[in-house]
Amino acid sequence: MLELINLIEKSGQTVRSDFRRWFRKTPVAANWTVASDYSVGNRNKKSDAFSFVIMPKHDTDQNISSWISAFAPKDIKATRAPSQEFLDYFCSPVSFSYSFVVERESNYLKAAITLEAMRAVVRQLQEVVFQWKAAEPGNELYYDELGNRLGSLLFELDGKNPSSALLRRMFLVASFGALVFHLIHDEKSPLSIRWISDRDAMFDRHDGLAFDLGWLLFQIMRRRSGGVIDVRRPQLIFTSPLMDGVNSYDEFVRLPDYLAGTLADLRLPNVIFSHPKFPKVFNRLFVDTQNNAIIEIVAPTGRITSRRLAFGNPPEGAKSIRRPT
């Protein structure tokens, strides 16, 4: 997975500078929320899309939820005409979106993310967990539980009929989440990052291991940079609708829902959609503003390649050609 992460970081070098410019007025040491949703597994769509909306804390959860509920009471599937007020909220200085589009025919990059590759990653992570447990007295219980979940995953991968497609999705979403965490960490030194993910089978697998994988990959990424690591910061908080039995987070999830639904429906290179609601979302959120990043990932021959997609004006510093819309 680190090879995939390295590839995406290289192909999306302008994402960092765009993020920095967009949030230049946001102070360091703030609290951040990342809301994510996915449009995956739909054979009628061109792509699988994983979208993350990044927000510094700018209001209470209740106020944000109330506002979104007023202008976007339904998800994009149930919406025929998205409100302009809701789309404008995306383009305000309080949010930045990072989306990953995976070629649908690749079946979650099946040719590259093989069972053997996943087994190798899990074994490497088990060794990392063992080393960190010894180096961090007081955190032994967490590392013991994490080691057990990794062992359960490896047992499935070694079995006769592992849910390989679902497990590839789990590895992908964890890698994408780690990239988002690392971006916020490097640019803004946050106190905390709360990841709100919509409910999906990949987060139910092995007792929420996808969250742990995202955390592990992020910690490995930050250690590669060297220097002193404060394991207490940022605090990573993981949650999903009704995980605590109280909060549904429906409105927060609705933000990435619009992005993922639109990108999954997008057909390139002609920029064609199946419903008139999608062009309105696409033009406002991906063409007219600079607070978004889209990474396309394909693996036609078993070799993963990625590129950043830019619509409208290319990102500053990008060596790219404007795609007509």
Protein backbone atom coordinates (compact mmCIF):
# COMPACT_ATOMS: atom_id res chain seq x y z
CA MET A 1 0.00 0.00 0.00
CA LEU A 2 2.91 2.36 0.59
CA GLU A 3 3.86 2.03 -3.07
CA LEU A 4 0.34 3.10 -4.04
CA ILE A 5 0.50 6.00 -1.59
CA ASN A 6 3.87 7.11 -2.97
CA LEU A 7 2.51 6.98 -6.51
CA ILE A 8 -0.54 9.07 -5.66
CA GLU A 9 1.55 11.65 -3.80
CA LYS A 10 3.86 11.98 -6.78
CA SER A 11 1.06 12.35 -9.31
CA GLY A 12 -0.78 14.79 -7.06
CA GLN A 13 2.08 17.10 -6.08
CA THR A 14 -0.04 20.18 -6.75
CA VAL A 15 -2.68 19.03 -4.23
CA ARG A 16 -0.46 20.11 -1.36
CA SER A 17 0.07 23.64 -2.67
CA ASP A 18 -3.64 24.03 -3.48
CA PHE A 19 -4.57 22.87 0.02
CA ARG A 20 -2.05 25.27 1.55
CA ARG A 21 -3.39 28.24 -0.42
CA TRP A 22 -7.02 27.43 0.31
CA PHE A 23 -6.49 27.19 4.06
CA ARG A 24 -3.78 29.85 4.40
CA LYS A 25 -5.90 31.79 6.92
CA THR A 26 -6.67 28.74 9.03
CA PRO A 27 -4.32 28.60 12.03
CA VAL A 28 -2.18 25.63 12.91
CA ALA A 29 -3.06 23.45 15.90
CA ALA A 30 -6.77 23.43 15.06
CA ASN A 31 -9.27 20.59 15.15
CA TRP A 32 -10.32 19.10 11.81
CA THR A 33 -13.08 16.87 10.49
CA VAL A 34 -12.82 14.58 7.48
CA ALA A 35 -16.13 13.25 6.14
CA SER A 36 -16.01 10.49 3.55
CA ASP A 37 -18.44 8.60 1.35
CA TYR A 38 -18.12 6.17 -1.53
CA SER A 39 -19.91 5.24 -4.71
CA VAL A 40 -18.63 1.74 -5.37
CA GLY A 41 -19.80 -1.51 -6.90
CA ASN A 42 -22.41 -0.03 -9.23
CA ARG A 43 -22.10 -1.74 -12.61
CA ASN A 44 -24.02 1.09 -14.27
CA LYS A 45 -21.31 3.57 -13.33
CA LYS A 46 -18.05 4.20 -15.13
CA SER A 47 -15.91 4.36 -11.99
CA ASP A 48 -15.71 3.68 -8.29
CA ALA A 49 -15.29 6.92 -6.35
CA PHE A 50 -14.00 7.59 -2.85
CA SER A 51 -14.52 11.19 -1.71
CA PHE A 52 -13.23 13.00 1.37
CA VAL A 53 -14.32 16.48 2.49
CA ILE A 54 -11.82 18.21 4.77
CA MET A 55 -13.01 20.92 7.18
CA PRO A 56 -11.39 22.83 10.02
CA LYS A 57 -13.71 23.31 12.96
CA HIS A 58 -15.62 26.48 12.10
CA ASP A 59 -18.93 25.98 13.93
CA THR A 60 -20.75 23.51 16.14
CA ASP A 61 -21.81 20.15 14.71
CA GLN A 62 -25.42 21.05 15.41
CA ASN A 63 -25.27 24.31 13.44
CA ILE A 64 -23.50 22.71 10.49
CA SER A 65 -25.96 19.82 10.41
CA SER A 66 -28.97 22.13 10.64
CA TRP A 67 -27.75 24.27 7.76
CA ILE A 68 -27.01 21.30 5.49
CA SER A 69 -30.34 19.70 6.36
CA ALA A 70 -32.16 22.86 5.33
CA PHE A 71 -30.61 23.05 1.86
CA ALA A 72 -29.83 19.38 1.18
CA PRO A 73 -32.33 17.16 3.01
CA LYS A 74 -31.57 14.15 0.79
CA ASP A 75 -28.51 12.42 -0.65
CA ILE A 76 -27.67 12.87 -4.31
CA LYS A 77 -29.38 9.66 -5.40
CA ALA A 78 -32.72 10.96 -4.11
CA THR A 79 -32.17 14.53 -5.31
CA ARG A 80 -33.35 15.75 -8.70
CA ALA A 81 -32.14 19.35 -8.50
CA PRO A 82 -29.33 20.20 -6.02
CA SER A 83 -29.77 23.57 -4.35
CA GLN A 84 -27.37 26.35 -5.24
CA GLU A 85 -26.95 27.24 -1.56
CA PHE A 86 -25.70 23.75 -0.74
CA LEU A 87 -23.24 23.75 -3.64
CA ASP A 88 -21.98 27.18 -2.65
CA TYR A 89 -21.16 25.84 0.82
CA PHE A 90 -18.60 23.50 -0.75
CA CYS A 91 -16.88 26.47 -2.35
CA SER A 92 -16.53 28.50 0.84
CA PRO A 93 -13.21 28.75 2.73
CA VAL A 94 -14.29 26.04 5.20
CA SER A 95 -13.92 22.95 3.01
CA PHE A 96 -11.54 21.23 0.62
CA SER A 97 -12.33 17.97 -1.16
CA TYR A 98 -9.95 15.15 -2.05
CA SER A 99 -11.43 12.42 -4.26
CA PHE A 100 -10.05 9.20 -5.73
CA VAL A 101 -11.55 7.70 -8.87
CA VAL A 102 -10.74 4.04 -9.57
CA GLU A 103 -11.48 2.47 -12.94
CA ARG A 104 -14.58 0.32 -12.45
CA GLU A 105 -13.40 -2.45 -14.78
CA SER A 106 -10.29 -2.93 -12.68
CA ASN A 107 -12.44 -4.43 -9.87
CA TYR A 108 -10.64 -2.39 -7.21
CA LEU A 109 -7.25 -2.81 -8.96
CA LYS A 110 -7.51 -6.60 -8.85
CA ALA A 111 -4.55 -7.17 -11.16
CA ALA A 112 -2.21 -5.25 -8.86
CA ILE A 113 -3.63 -5.77 -5.36
CA THR A 114 -3.46 -9.54 -5.32
CA LEU A 115 -4.13 -11.84 -2.40
CA GLU A 116 -0.39 -12.40 -2.02
CA ALA A 117 0.24 -8.66 -2.01
CA MET A 118 -2.37 -8.16 0.72
CA ARG A 119 -0.89 -11.00 2.77
CA ALA A 120 2.56 -9.41 2.50
CA VAL A 121 1.22 -6.03 3.65
CA VAL A 122 -0.54 -7.57 6.66
CA ARG A 123 2.61 -9.42 7.72
CA GLN A 124 4.63 -6.22 7.47
CA LEU A 125 2.05 -4.35 9.53
CA GLN A 126 2.08 -7.09 12.16
CA GLU A 127 5.82 -6.57 12.54
CA VAL A 128 5.33 -2.79 12.80
CA VAL A 129 2.69 -3.24 15.50
CA PHE A 130 5.01 -5.56 17.44
CA GLN A 131 7.83 -2.98 17.32
CA TRP A 132 5.62 -0.04 18.30
CA LYS A 133 4.13 -1.98 21.18
CA ALA A 134 7.60 -2.45 22.64
CA ALA A 135 8.47 1.22 22.07
CA GLU A 136 5.31 2.72 23.60
CA PRO A 137 4.73 1.58 27.17
CA GLY A 138 1.15 2.19 28.20
CA ASN A 139 -0.31 1.45 24.77
CA GLU A 140 0.11 -2.31 24.94
CA LEU A 141 -3.61 -3.05 25.12
CA TYR A 142 -4.39 -1.18 21.92
CA TYR A 143 -1.55 -2.83 20.06
CA ASP A 144 -2.61 -6.25 21.34
CA GLU A 145 -6.15 -5.67 20.05
CA LEU A 146 -4.83 -4.33 16.74
CA GLY A 147 -2.54 -7.32 16.39
CA ASN A 148 -5.53 -9.62 16.92
CA ARG A 149 -7.52 -7.84 14.20
CA LEU A 150 -4.60 -8.10 11.79
CA GLY A 151 -4.32 -11.78 12.63
CA SER A 152 -8.00 -12.25 11.86
CA LEU A 153 -7.52 -10.54 8.49
CA LEU A 154 -4.52 -12.71 7.66
CA PHE A 155 -6.53 -15.82 8.60
CA GLU A 156 -9.21 -14.80 6.10
CA LEU A 157 -6.62 -14.06 3.39
CA ASP A 158 -5.12 -17.52 3.93
CA GLY A 159 -8.53 -19.22 3.77
CA LYS A 160 -10.23 -20.87 0.84
CA ASN A 161 -12.71 -18.15 -0.11
CA PRO A 162 -11.62 -14.73 1.15
CA SER A 163 -13.81 -11.76 0.25
CA SER A 164 -11.03 -10.42 -1.95
CA ALA A 165 -12.95 -7.58 -3.62
CA LEU A 166 -14.19 -6.27 -0.27
CA LEU A 167 -10.72 -6.54 1.24
CA ARG A 168 -9.20 -4.61 -1.67
CA ARG A 169 -11.75 -1.88 -1.06
CA MET A 170 -10.75 -1.86 2.59
CA PHE A 171 -7.07 -1.43 1.74
CA LEU A 172 -7.88 1.29 -0.78
CA VAL A 173 -10.02 3.38 1.56
CA ALA A 174 -7.42 3.06 4.33
CA SER A 175 -4.69 4.25 1.95
CA PHE A 176 -6.78 7.19 0.78
CA GLY A 177 -7.62 8.12 4.37
CA ALA A 178 -3.94 8.01 5.34
CA LEU A 179 -3.10 10.36 2.47
CA VAL A 180 -5.70 12.84 3.68
CA PHE A 181 -4.48 12.66 7.29
CA HIS A 182 -0.89 13.17 6.21
CA LEU A 183 -1.81 16.19 4.10
CA ILE A 184 -3.54 17.89 7.05
CA HIS A 185 -0.76 16.89 9.43
CA ASP A 186 2.07 18.23 7.28
CA GLU A 187 0.39 21.49 6.38
CA LYS A 188 -1.51 22.41 9.54
CA SER A 189 -0.12 20.44 12.52
CA PRO A 190 -3.62 19.67 13.82
CA LEU A 191 -4.55 18.93 17.39
CA SER A 192 -7.09 16.34 16.24
CA ILE A 193 -8.57 14.82 13.10
CA ARG A 194 -12.02 13.27 13.26
CA TRP A 195 -12.81 10.84 10.44
CA ILE A 196 -16.55 10.43 9.84
CA SER A 197 -17.08 7.62 7.36
CA ASP A 198 -20.42 6.56 5.96
CA ARG A 199 -21.42 3.03 6.84
CA ASP A 200 -19.99 0.48 4.44
CA ALA A 201 -19.20 -3.23 4.60
CA MET A 202 -15.48 -2.51 4.41
CA PHE A 203 -15.66 -0.80 7.84
CA ASP A 204 -17.61 -3.66 9.39
CA ARG A 205 -14.91 -6.14 8.39
CA HIS A 206 -12.73 -7.40 11.23
CA ASP A 207 -14.16 -5.05 13.83
CA GLY A 208 -13.48 -1.78 12.01
CA LEU A 209 -9.96 -2.66 10.91
CA ALA A 210 -10.18 -0.20 7.98
CA PHE A 211 -9.95 2.65 10.51
CA ASP A 212 -6.88 1.05 12.10
CA LEU A 213 -5.23 0.50 8.72
CA GLY A 214 -5.69 4.18 7.89
CA TRP A 215 -4.11 5.11 11.22
CA LEU A 216 -1.21 2.69 10.76
CA LEU A 217 -0.40 3.86 7.24
CA PHE A 218 -0.56 7.49 8.34
CA GLN A 219 1.83 6.83 11.23
CA ILE A 220 4.24 5.07 8.89
CA MET A 221 4.09 7.99 6.45
CA ARG A 222 4.89 10.59 9.11
CA ARG A 223 7.80 8.52 10.42
CA ARG A 224 9.36 8.45 6.96
CA SER A 225 9.82 12.22 7.20
CA GLY A 226 12.14 11.84 10.18
CA GLY A 227 12.38 14.15 13.16
CA VAL A 228 10.76 13.85 16.55
CA ILE A 229 7.32 12.20 16.54
CA ASP A 230 4.76 13.22 19.14
CA VAL A 231 2.53 10.15 19.31
CA ARG A 232 -0.08 12.18 21.22
CA ARG A 233 -0.75 14.53 18.28
CA PRO A 234 -2.78 14.58 16.25
CA GLN A 235 -5.47 12.68 18.07
CA LEU A 236 -7.35 10.61 15.51
CA ILE A 237 -11.03 10.03 16.20
CA PHE A 238 -12.95 7.50 14.11
CA THR A 239 -16.70 7.35 13.84
CA SER A 240 -19.54 6.42 11.50
CA PRO A 241 -23.33 6.92 11.58
CA LEU A 242 -24.78 5.68 14.88
CA MET A 243 -21.51 4.07 15.92
CA ASP A 244 -22.07 5.60 19.35
CA GLY A 245 -25.80 4.87 19.24
CA VAL A 246 -26.64 8.58 19.17
CA ASN A 247 -25.12 10.58 16.30
CA SER A 248 -26.10 9.81 12.71
CA TYR A 249 -23.81 12.34 11.01
CA ASP A 250 -26.12 12.15 7.98
CA GLU A 251 -25.54 15.78 7.05
CA PHE A 252 -21.75 15.52 7.25
CA VAL A 253 -21.75 12.42 5.06
CA ARG A 254 -24.00 14.19 2.56
CA LEU A 255 -21.08 16.43 1.59
CA PRO A 256 -18.84 13.67 0.14
CA ASP A 257 -21.94 11.80 -1.06
CA TYR A 258 -22.55 14.49 -3.68
CA LEU A 259 -18.93 14.35 -4.81
CA ALA A 260 -18.60 10.58 -5.01
CA GLY A 261 -21.96 10.17 -6.75
CA THR A 262 -21.05 12.72 -9.40
CA LEU A 263 -17.55 11.40 -10.06
CA ALA A 264 -18.72 7.78 -10.31
CA ASP A 265 -21.23 8.86 -12.96
CA LEU A 266 -18.69 10.87 -14.96
CA ARG A 267 -17.69 9.41 -18.32
CA LEU A 268 -14.42 10.57 -19.79
CA PRO A 269 -13.02 11.86 -22.05
CA ASN A 270 -16.25 13.51 -23.26
CA VAL A 271 -17.56 14.55 -19.79
CA ILE A 272 -20.94 12.85 -20.13
CA PHE A 273 -23.44 12.18 -17.33
CA SER A 274 -26.55 10.01 -17.02
CA HIS A 275 -28.75 12.67 -15.35
CA PRO A 276 -29.01 16.47 -15.64
CA LYS A 277 -28.40 16.95 -11.90
CA PHE A 278 -24.79 15.83 -12.21
CA PRO A 279 -23.52 18.56 -14.59
CA LYS A 280 -24.74 21.22 -12.16
CA VAL A 281 -22.79 19.63 -9.33
CA PHE A 282 -19.78 18.96 -11.52
CA ASN A 283 -19.52 22.48 -12.95
CA ARG A 284 -19.92 24.22 -9.61
CA LEU A 285 -17.69 21.97 -7.52
CA PHE A 286 -15.02 20.73 -9.91
CA VAL A 287 -14.79 23.34 -12.69
CA ASP A 288 -15.56 26.72 -11.13
CA THR A 289 -13.56 26.39 -7.90
CA GLN A 290 -10.01 25.53 -6.86
CA ASN A 291 -10.75 23.76 -3.57
CA ASN A 292 -10.83 20.23 -4.93
CA ALA A 293 -8.45 17.50 -5.98
CA ILE A 294 -9.27 14.42 -8.05
CA ILE A 295 -6.85 11.53 -8.51
CA GLU A 296 -7.66 8.92 -11.14
CA ILE A 297 -6.15 5.46 -10.64
CA VAL A 298 -6.07 2.69 -13.24
CA ALA A 299 -4.30 -0.65 -13.60
CA PRO A 300 -4.98 -1.94 -17.12
CA THR A 301 -2.05 -4.36 -17.23
CA GLY A 302 -1.46 -5.01 -13.54
CA ARG A 303 0.73 -1.92 -13.22
CA ILE A 304 -0.97 0.87 -11.31
CA THR A 305 -0.82 4.35 -12.79
CA SER A 306 -2.37 7.54 -11.45
CA ARG A 307 -2.86 11.14 -12.48
CA ARG A 308 -4.52 14.24 -11.16
CA LEU A 309 -7.58 15.33 -13.11
CA ALA A 310 -8.16 19.07 -13.40
CA PHE A 311 -11.16 20.69 -15.03
CA GLY A 312 -11.42 24.34 -15.88
CA ASN A 313 -8.15 26.12 -15.11
CA PRO A 314 -5.27 23.75 -14.22
CA PRO A 315 -3.92 23.97 -10.65
CA GLU A 316 -1.07 26.42 -10.19
CA GLY A 317 2.24 24.82 -11.05
CA ALA A 318 0.63 21.88 -12.85
CA LYS A 319 2.09 20.57 -16.08
CA SER A 320 -1.24 19.73 -17.62
CA ILE A 321 -3.59 20.58 -20.43
CA ARG A 322 -7.00 22.08 -19.81
CA ARG A 323 -9.74 19.54 -20.47
CA PRO A 324 -12.70 21.03 -22.34
CA THR A 325 -16.04 20.97 -20.48
